[in-house]
Every structure is written in C-alpha cells, then in structure tokens.
Amino acid sequence: MIKISTNSRFMSKIVRKNDQSNPLRKVGECLYRNRHGVYFAWFSIRGKQVKRSLKTSDKELARRRLGELRKVAARLHGLEESRLPGPLAKAFSGLSNSICASAVPKVGNQRCC
C-alpha cells in the first residue's frame, strides 16, 4: 500500500497498487481483460448494457468475436432497418401504407395525417 497525504492534516488517501474494485481492465474500445487474461465485451445497445465473455486470451480473436457479438446484438435488439428480405419488405410496406391510408379519415380534400 502507498499512503498519499494531502495538505490537510485530517485527510489522507490510501492508494492500493493492485486495486481490486474493478477486476476488468480496459484494453480497447468495448474490450476488457480480467486478471486471468480472458477478454470481455462490454457495450450498451439501445440503453441496455451487454457484458459477455469472449472466451479467449488472444486479442485479435477477441476483436473479431466482439464484432460478431455486436452484429448479433444489433439484430436481436432491432437496430437493423428491416428484418424482412428486400422484395417482401417492399410488398409489406406498400400493403400497410394502403391499409393505413384507407383507415385515415378525410377532411375536405386532405387527409388528417
């Protein structure tokens, strides 16, 4: 332990060499490593924190797995524009627009929305 005293005679600060308050150390963007050398992904998506072990001690493999995990999380949390294939998405969009257009009441020659 290292003791660092301040100017005030009532205050002192103790700093530990091996601080165990946070066992994960940041080694890259959204990439952390624990004391055993295992990498973790730690990021948030749509306000929800995701923390997963990447189950490797190789940094390059951890970066690839982090990219894959982010893609999976984005797909599961609905960040992609459309989950339907191209032609099917267009057909559904056109169908839903025509149904909504017929349900919206007209005011004079204009629609409410």
Protein backbone atom coordinates (compact mmCIF):
# COMPACT_ATOMS: atom_id res chain seq x y z
CA MET A 1 0.00 0.00 0.00
CA ILE A 2 1.07 3.53 -0.72
CA LYS A 3 -0.15 6.32 1.51
CA ILE A 4 -0.55 9.73 -0.07
CA SER A 5 -1.15 12.55 2.36
CA THR A 6 -2.80 15.80 1.38
CA ASN A 7 -2.22 19.31 2.71
CA SER A 8 -4.99 18.93 5.26
CA ARG A 9 -3.93 17.23 8.47
CA PHE A 10 -7.30 15.45 8.66
CA MET A 11 -7.34 13.95 5.19
CA SER A 12 -5.24 11.17 3.79
CA LYS A 13 -5.74 8.97 0.80
CA ILE A 14 -4.68 5.36 0.57
CA VAL A 15 -3.99 4.03 -2.89
CA ARG A 16 -3.53 0.33 -3.45
CA LYS A 17 -1.11 -0.90 -6.06
CA ASN A 18 -3.44 -3.71 -7.17
CA ASP A 19 -6.89 -2.17 -6.90
CA GLN A 20 -9.50 -4.97 -6.99
CA SER A 21 -12.58 -2.72 -7.11
CA ASN A 22 -12.86 -3.33 -10.86
CA PRO A 23 -11.33 -6.65 -11.92
CA LEU A 24 -11.63 -5.77 -15.63
CA ARG A 25 -9.07 -3.54 -17.30
CA LYS A 26 -9.90 -1.64 -20.47
CA VAL A 27 -7.64 -2.66 -23.36
CA GLY A 28 -9.62 -1.34 -26.33
CA GLU A 29 -12.94 0.06 -27.45
CA CYS A 30 -15.59 -2.02 -25.64
CA LEU A 31 -12.89 -4.60 -24.92
CA TYR A 32 -11.79 -5.52 -21.39
CA ARG A 33 -9.47 -8.14 -19.91
CA ASN A 34 -9.66 -9.79 -16.49
CA ARG A 35 -6.70 -10.75 -14.30
CA HIS A 36 -6.56 -14.22 -15.88
CA GLY A 37 -6.15 -12.76 -19.38
CA VAL A 38 -9.65 -13.60 -20.64
CA TYR A 39 -11.26 -10.87 -22.79
CA PHE A 40 -14.76 -9.49 -22.25
CA ALA A 41 -17.05 -7.38 -24.43
CA TRP A 42 -18.81 -4.59 -22.58
CA PHE A 43 -21.06 -2.20 -24.52
CA SER A 44 -24.57 -0.82 -24.49
CA ILE A 45 -27.18 -1.07 -27.19
CA ARG A 46 -30.45 0.87 -27.01
CA GLY A 47 -29.70 1.77 -23.40
CA LYS A 48 -29.15 -1.84 -22.36
CA GLN A 49 -25.71 -2.91 -21.16
CA VAL A 50 -24.25 -6.07 -22.66
CA LYS A 51 -21.32 -7.73 -20.90
CA ARG A 52 -20.15 -11.07 -22.26
CA SER A 53 -17.05 -13.19 -22.02
CA LEU A 54 -15.36 -13.68 -25.37
CA LYS A 55 -13.76 -16.88 -24.02
CA THR A 56 -10.31 -16.20 -25.42
CA SER A 57 -6.99 -14.77 -24.30
CA ASP A 58 -5.95 -13.78 -27.85
CA LYS A 59 -6.53 -10.08 -28.55
CA GLU A 60 -7.13 -10.37 -32.31
CA LEU A 61 -9.61 -13.21 -31.87
CA ALA A 62 -11.33 -11.18 -29.13
CA ARG A 63 -11.72 -8.23 -31.53
CA ARG A 64 -13.30 -10.46 -34.19
CA ARG A 65 -15.67 -12.01 -31.66
CA LEU A 66 -16.58 -8.54 -30.38
CA GLY A 67 -17.60 -7.52 -33.91
CA GLU A 68 -19.70 -10.66 -34.32
CA LEU A 69 -21.35 -10.14 -30.92
CA ARG A 70 -22.23 -6.54 -31.78
CA LYS A 71 -23.89 -7.67 -35.04
CA VAL A 72 -25.93 -10.31 -33.22
CA ALA A 73 -26.95 -7.83 -30.50
CA ALA A 74 -27.96 -5.24 -33.11
CA ARG A 75 -30.09 -7.82 -34.89
CA LEU A 76 -31.74 -9.02 -31.67
CA HIS A 77 -32.48 -5.52 -30.40
CA GLY A 78 -33.96 -4.32 -33.70
CA LEU A 79 -31.37 -1.82 -34.89
CA GLU A 80 -31.46 -3.05 -38.46
CA GLU A 81 -33.74 -1.15 -40.83
CA SER A 82 -35.79 -4.12 -41.90
CA ARG A 83 -35.83 -7.75 -40.84
CA LEU A 84 -37.65 -8.84 -43.97
CA PRO A 85 -35.92 -9.63 -47.28
CA GLY A 86 -35.94 -6.81 -49.88
CA PRO A 87 -38.95 -7.62 -52.13
CA LEU A 88 -41.02 -8.91 -49.23
CA ALA A 89 -40.31 -5.78 -47.19
CA LYS A 90 -41.39 -3.53 -50.09
CA ALA A 91 -44.61 -5.50 -50.60
CA PHE A 92 -45.45 -5.39 -46.90
CA SER A 93 -44.66 -1.68 -46.71
CA GLY A 94 -46.95 -0.94 -49.69
CA LEU A 95 -49.71 -3.09 -48.24
CA SER A 96 -49.52 -1.47 -44.81
CA ASN A 97 -49.50 2.03 -46.34
CA SER A 98 -52.63 1.30 -48.40
CA ILE A 99 -54.45 -0.15 -45.38
CA CYS A 100 -53.49 2.84 -43.20
CA ALA A 101 -54.45 5.31 -45.95
CA SER A 102 -57.94 3.85 -46.22
CA ALA A 103 -58.39 3.94 -42.43
CA VAL A 104 -57.45 7.63 -42.07
CA PRO A 105 -60.49 9.93 -42.33
CA LYS A 106 -60.50 12.71 -44.92
CA VAL A 107 -61.04 16.36 -44.03
CA GLY A 108 -62.20 18.12 -47.18
CA ASN A 109 -59.74 17.08 -49.88
CA GLN A 110 -56.91 16.45 -47.43
CA ARG A 111 -56.11 13.60 -45.12
CA CYS A 112 -55.71 14.23 -41.40
CA CYS A 113 -52.19 12.90 -41.23
